[in-house]
Amino acid sequence: MRRVGAIFTPSFPPEALRDAAQTADESGVPELWLWEDCFRESAFATASAVLAWTTRMRVGIGVAPIPLRNVAATAMEIATIERLFPGRLIPGVGHGVLEWMGQVGARAASPLTLMREYVPALRALLAGEEVSATGRYVSLDRVRLNWPPVQPPGVVVSGEGPKTVRLTGEVGDGTVLPAGSTPDRVARTLALAREGRAGAGRDGSHELIVFVSTGFGGAAARARLAEELGRAAGTVDPALMVVGDAVDVTSAIDPFFTAGATTVVLQPPEGETDLTGFMQNVGAVARLIDAG
């Protein structure tokens, strides 16, 4: 099944979140994704607020940085939200931007080792298991949540480099790719994640969530998106020019789904001045995908 979502990036102030979230919910956006960029907004606080303000929409965290929190604290956050709003949270974790982790004294010498220890412990805690671990980074002594989720949510994990992507398949339930990822990259990433999953003896499907910078509008929106993409990558890949009206955008994201993405999350351009309008347009795209 093809799913579409929208992102509320933390470049917008927290007080803009309520209107954006409620508009997204009313417009039929299936998923609203939140970031936890340092040092802007807390992912779990904003996720709880969005879930309380809305009635239907799922909320994804893409992603909370692993080094910032003890794994037991992250499990408590996720479990509490899941108990309050069953089935509506999509928790995501990742390495975090290494420079930011260094700023707070949390930079891991081996981010891969940290992820390999952390994500399985997190998933086990959310499954209601008693967990003991003595690792390089994760140390737990008979820890069990008093209020685990009735149905533990899948944990998605961000990854870009080949080693990290394979690890997301080994330990996670899905992989998150940032904006700037082409359909070709989606296909390569999914193949690597599946390699990691198979190597760990895990069966079942693997989610692939990709963020896609999107401009709704005409020539001005096209120029703004091209400038943003060029500033980030130096060149503008035509596959990343997701711009136009809802019909145009629906057509432009089809190659991402064909490449294996299970969810395409549309990201507003920097400096977007009509955030509620953006959410309404994402809702129109979601309806077109459902109708297709």
Protein backbone atom coordinates (compact mmCIF):
# COMPACT_ATOMS: atom_id res chain seq x y z
CA MET A 1 0.00 0.00 0.00
CA ARG A 2 1.27 3.45 -0.93
CA ARG A 3 1.15 6.06 1.81
CA VAL A 4 1.86 9.77 1.72
CA GLY A 5 2.54 12.16 4.57
CA ALA A 6 3.68 15.67 5.35
CA ILE A 7 6.46 17.09 7.51
CA PHE A 8 6.25 19.86 10.06
CA THR A 9 9.91 20.82 10.20
CA PRO A 10 11.32 22.49 13.33
CA SER A 11 12.31 25.50 11.24
CA PHE A 12 8.75 26.59 12.07
CA PRO A 13 8.13 27.68 15.69
CA PRO A 14 6.23 25.36 18.03
CA GLU A 15 3.26 27.71 18.17
CA ALA A 16 2.66 27.10 14.44
CA LEU A 17 2.20 23.38 15.00
CA ARG A 18 -1.42 23.26 16.13
CA ASP A 19 -2.91 24.96 13.07
CA ALA A 20 -0.70 22.95 10.73
CA ALA A 21 -1.56 19.64 12.41
CA GLN A 22 -5.29 20.27 12.57
CA THR A 23 -5.36 21.41 8.94
CA ALA A 24 -3.46 18.28 7.93
CA ASP A 25 -5.89 16.08 9.85
CA GLU A 26 -8.96 17.81 8.41
CA SER A 27 -7.48 17.65 4.90
CA GLY A 28 -6.99 13.89 5.03
CA VAL A 29 -3.20 13.75 5.41
CA PRO A 30 -2.58 10.21 6.69
CA GLU A 31 0.71 10.91 8.49
CA LEU A 32 2.41 14.00 9.93
CA TRP A 33 6.13 13.64 10.59
CA LEU A 34 8.16 15.59 13.14
CA TRP A 35 11.90 16.11 13.48
CA GLU A 36 14.03 16.52 16.57
CA ASP A 37 16.75 18.82 15.24
CA CYS A 38 19.03 20.24 17.89
CA PHE A 39 18.28 22.60 19.46
CA ARG A 40 14.78 23.32 18.36
CA GLU A 41 11.79 21.18 19.36
CA SER A 42 11.29 17.98 21.33
CA ALA A 43 9.92 15.16 19.19
CA PHE A 44 7.96 13.43 21.95
CA ALA A 45 6.36 16.58 23.35
CA THR A 46 5.24 17.71 19.90
CA ALA A 47 4.03 14.22 18.96
CA SER A 48 1.87 14.07 22.10
CA ALA A 49 0.41 17.49 21.35
CA VAL A 50 -0.42 16.62 17.73
CA LEU A 51 -2.08 13.36 18.74
CA ALA A 52 -4.18 15.18 21.34
CA TRP A 53 -5.22 17.89 18.86
CA THR A 54 -6.22 15.46 16.10
CA THR A 55 -8.42 12.40 15.80
CA ARG A 56 -7.25 10.25 12.91
CA MET A 57 -3.80 11.10 11.66
CA ARG A 58 -0.74 9.04 12.58
CA VAL A 59 2.37 10.87 13.78
CA GLY A 60 5.89 9.86 12.83
CA ILE A 61 9.09 10.85 14.60
CA GLY A 62 11.77 11.08 11.98
CA VAL A 63 13.95 10.88 13.97
CA ALA A 64 14.95 11.18 17.65
CA PRO A 65 18.75 11.09 18.13
CA ILE A 66 19.86 7.96 19.96
CA PRO A 67 22.83 9.49 21.82
CA LEU A 68 20.66 12.11 23.56
CA ARG A 69 18.59 9.65 25.62
CA ASN A 70 19.07 6.55 27.71
CA VAL A 71 17.23 3.74 25.93
CA ALA A 72 14.95 3.17 28.93
CA ALA A 73 13.85 6.82 28.80
CA THR A 74 13.10 6.55 25.09
CA ALA A 75 11.11 3.36 25.69
CA MET A 76 9.10 5.10 28.43
CA GLU A 77 8.33 8.05 26.12
CA ILE A 78 7.17 5.80 23.28
CA ALA A 79 5.21 3.43 25.52
CA THR A 80 3.38 6.27 27.26
CA ILE A 81 2.35 7.90 23.97
CA GLU A 82 1.34 4.54 22.49
CA ARG A 83 -0.83 3.75 25.52
CA LEU A 84 -2.48 7.17 25.30
CA PHE A 85 -3.01 7.05 21.52
CA PRO A 86 -2.91 3.40 20.46
CA GLY A 87 -1.68 2.68 16.96
CA ARG A 88 -1.07 6.29 15.98
CA LEU A 89 2.64 6.75 16.73
CA ILE A 90 5.47 5.81 14.36
CA PRO A 91 8.64 6.09 16.47
CA GLY A 92 11.92 6.67 14.69
CA VAL A 93 15.49 6.91 15.94
CA GLY A 94 18.88 7.58 14.40
CA HIS A 95 22.51 8.53 14.97
CA GLY A 96 21.79 12.24 15.21
CA VAL A 97 23.97 14.86 13.54
CA LEU A 98 27.43 14.14 14.91
CA GLU A 99 28.35 17.80 15.31
CA TRP A 100 25.25 18.40 17.43
CA MET A 101 25.94 15.31 19.49
CA GLY A 102 29.43 16.65 20.11
CA GLN A 103 28.02 19.97 21.28
CA VAL A 104 26.15 18.26 24.12
CA GLY A 105 28.91 15.81 25.00
CA ALA A 106 26.97 12.82 23.65
CA ARG A 107 28.93 11.97 20.50
CA ALA A 108 29.60 8.24 20.33
CA ALA A 109 33.00 7.01 19.18
CA SER A 110 31.19 4.20 17.33
CA PRO A 111 27.68 5.23 16.26
CA LEU A 112 27.14 1.84 14.62
CA THR A 113 27.88 0.00 17.87
CA LEU A 114 25.53 2.31 19.74
CA MET A 115 22.73 1.67 17.23
CA ARG A 116 23.35 -2.10 17.27
CA GLU A 117 22.99 -2.14 21.05
CA TYR A 118 20.26 0.47 21.40
CA VAL A 119 17.57 -0.46 18.88
CA PRO A 120 17.19 -4.15 19.90
CA ALA A 121 17.01 -3.10 23.56
CA LEU A 122 14.39 -0.49 22.71
CA ARG A 123 12.27 -2.97 20.74
CA ALA A 124 12.55 -5.56 23.51
CA LEU A 125 11.45 -3.06 26.16
CA LEU A 126 8.49 -2.00 24.03
CA ALA A 127 7.55 -5.67 23.70
CA GLY A 128 7.26 -5.85 27.50
CA GLU A 129 10.38 -7.95 28.00
CA GLU A 130 12.76 -7.72 30.94
CA VAL A 131 16.05 -6.58 29.50
CA SER A 132 19.56 -6.89 30.85
CA ALA A 133 22.50 -5.73 28.76
CA THR A 134 26.15 -4.97 29.30
CA GLY A 135 27.40 -3.33 26.17
CA ARG A 136 29.79 -0.60 25.22
CA TYR A 137 26.98 1.98 25.41
CA VAL A 138 23.80 0.27 26.62
CA SER A 139 23.77 -1.03 30.19
CA LEU A 140 20.52 -2.34 31.65
CA ASP A 141 19.95 -4.45 34.75
CA ARG A 142 16.62 -6.30 34.69
CA VAL A 143 14.70 -3.35 33.25
CA ARG A 144 11.05 -3.88 32.36
CA LEU A 145 8.40 -1.26 31.60
CA ASN A 146 5.45 -1.21 33.99
CA TRP A 147 3.17 0.04 31.21
CA PRO A 148 4.43 -1.38 27.93
CA PRO A 149 2.32 -0.86 24.81
CA VAL A 150 -0.52 -3.33 24.36
CA GLN A 151 0.70 -3.68 20.76
CA PRO A 152 4.33 -2.55 20.41
CA PRO A 153 4.85 -0.17 17.49
CA GLY A 154 7.47 -0.85 14.88
CA VAL A 155 10.63 1.24 15.26
CA VAL A 156 12.01 2.85 12.13
CA VAL A 157 15.67 3.83 11.94
CA SER A 158 17.39 6.46 9.80
CA GLY A 159 20.38 5.51 7.71
CA GLU A 160 22.40 6.82 4.78
CA GLY A 161 25.76 5.04 4.46
CA PRO A 162 25.81 1.37 3.37
CA LYS A 163 26.89 0.03 6.77
CA THR A 164 24.21 1.98 8.61
CA VAL A 165 21.52 1.06 6.10
CA ARG A 166 22.32 -2.65 6.44
CA LEU A 167 22.10 -2.21 10.19
CA THR A 168 18.67 -0.56 9.93
CA GLY A 169 17.49 -3.76 8.28
CA GLU A 170 19.21 -5.91 10.88
CA VAL A 171 17.73 -4.18 13.94
CA GLY A 172 14.84 -1.97 12.79
CA ASP A 173 11.37 -2.31 11.31
CA GLY A 174 11.94 0.26 8.61
CA THR A 175 14.48 2.69 7.16
CA VAL A 176 14.12 6.47 6.92
CA LEU A 177 15.86 8.41 4.13
CA PRO A 178 16.28 12.21 4.17
CA ALA A 179 15.23 14.64 1.48
CA GLY A 180 17.55 14.68 -1.50
CA SER A 181 17.25 10.92 -2.01
CA THR A 182 16.42 9.96 -5.60
CA PRO A 183 14.28 6.96 -6.59
CA ASP A 184 17.51 5.15 -7.55
CA ARG A 185 18.82 5.71 -4.05
CA VAL A 186 15.54 4.45 -2.59
CA ALA A 187 15.94 1.20 -4.52
CA ARG A 188 19.59 0.77 -3.46
CA THR A 189 18.76 1.56 0.15
CA LEU A 190 15.92 -0.92 0.31
CA ALA A 191 18.11 -3.64 -1.16
CA LEU A 192 20.81 -3.00 1.47
CA ALA A 193 18.29 -2.94 4.31
CA ARG A 194 16.84 -6.23 3.13
CA GLU A 195 20.35 -7.69 3.03
CA GLY A 196 20.80 -6.72 6.67
CA ARG A 197 17.40 -8.13 7.57
CA ALA A 198 18.09 -11.45 5.82
CA GLY A 199 21.54 -11.68 7.38
CA ALA A 200 19.96 -11.37 10.82
CA GLY A 201 17.51 -14.16 10.01
CA ARG A 202 14.54 -11.84 10.13
CA ASP A 203 11.55 -12.38 7.87
CA GLY A 204 8.66 -10.08 7.06
CA SER A 205 8.50 -6.82 5.15
CA HIS A 206 10.69 -3.79 5.71
CA GLU A 207 9.32 -0.24 5.56
CA LEU A 208 11.09 2.45 3.52
CA ILE A 209 10.15 6.04 4.35
CA VAL A 210 11.61 8.81 2.19
CA PHE A 211 11.32 12.55 2.70
CA VAL A 212 10.83 14.53 -0.53
CA SER A 213 11.15 18.31 -0.81
CA THR A 214 8.01 19.53 -2.55
CA GLY A 215 6.79 22.79 -4.01
CA PHE A 216 3.11 23.42 -4.65
CA GLY A 217 2.48 26.14 -7.21
CA GLY A 218 3.69 27.46 -10.56
CA ALA A 219 6.87 29.06 -11.83
CA ALA A 220 7.76 30.71 -8.52
CA ALA A 221 7.44 27.42 -6.64
CA ARG A 222 9.55 25.67 -9.27
CA ALA A 223 12.30 28.29 -9.06
CA ARG A 224 12.33 28.19 -5.27
CA LEU A 225 12.57 24.38 -5.18
CA ALA A 226 15.33 24.35 -7.82
CA GLU A 227 17.29 26.91 -5.81
CA GLU A 228 16.90 24.88 -2.61
CA LEU A 229 17.94 21.63 -4.27
CA GLY A 230 20.89 23.28 -5.98
CA ARG A 231 22.07 24.82 -2.73
CA ALA A 232 21.98 21.42 -1.02
CA ALA A 233 23.53 19.27 -3.75
CA GLY A 234 25.22 21.63 -6.19
CA THR A 235 23.11 20.32 -9.06
CA VAL A 236 19.41 19.71 -9.56
CA ASP A 237 18.39 16.14 -10.35
CA PRO A 238 15.18 16.23 -12.44
CA ALA A 239 13.83 13.29 -10.40
CA LEU A 240 13.78 15.58 -7.35
CA MET A 241 11.77 18.35 -8.98
CA VAL A 242 8.52 17.46 -7.23
CA VAL A 243 6.51 20.58 -7.96
CA GLY A 244 3.19 21.77 -9.37
CA ASP A 245 -0.40 21.11 -8.40
CA ALA A 246 -1.64 18.00 -6.60
CA VAL A 247 -1.86 16.04 -9.86
CA ASP A 248 1.69 17.01 -10.86
CA VAL A 249 3.09 16.09 -7.44
CA THR A 250 1.25 12.77 -7.41
CA SER A 251 2.82 11.92 -10.76
CA ALA A 252 6.28 13.12 -9.65
CA ILE A 253 6.38 10.91 -6.55
CA ASP A 254 5.25 7.77 -8.36
CA PRO A 255 8.87 6.75 -9.17
CA PHE A 256 9.69 6.75 -5.44
CA PHE A 257 6.91 4.22 -4.83
CA THR A 258 7.97 2.18 -7.85
CA ALA A 259 11.49 2.06 -6.41
CA GLY A 260 10.15 0.49 -3.22
CA ALA A 261 9.21 3.34 -0.88
CA THR A 262 6.26 2.45 1.32
CA THR A 263 5.76 6.03 2.49
CA VAL A 264 6.64 9.27 0.72
CA VAL A 265 6.60 12.23 3.09
CA LEU A 266 6.33 15.64 1.46
CA GLN A 267 8.55 18.31 2.96
CA PRO A 268 7.73 22.03 2.64
CA PRO A 269 10.45 24.25 1.22
CA GLU A 270 12.50 26.43 3.50
CA GLY A 271 10.68 29.66 4.22
CA GLU A 272 7.25 28.29 3.31
CA THR A 273 4.79 31.09 4.12
CA ASP A 274 1.54 29.13 3.70
CA LEU A 275 1.96 26.06 5.86
CA THR A 276 -1.77 25.34 6.12
CA GLY A 277 -2.06 25.58 2.34
CA PHE A 278 0.80 23.11 2.02
CA MET A 279 -1.01 20.65 4.30
CA GLN A 280 -4.22 21.03 2.29
CA ASN A 281 -2.32 20.23 -0.90
CA VAL A 282 -0.77 17.13 0.69
CA GLY A 283 -4.28 16.02 1.60
CA ALA A 284 -5.27 16.40 -2.06
CA VAL A 285 -2.30 14.25 -3.09
CA ALA A 286 -3.30 11.60 -0.53
CA ARG A 287 -6.81 11.47 -1.99
CA LEU A 288 -5.45 11.06 -5.52
CA ILE A 289 -3.19 8.20 -4.40
CA ASP A 290 -6.09 6.51 -2.62
CA ALA A 291 -8.24 6.89 -5.72
CA GLY A 292 -5.51 5.41 -7.92
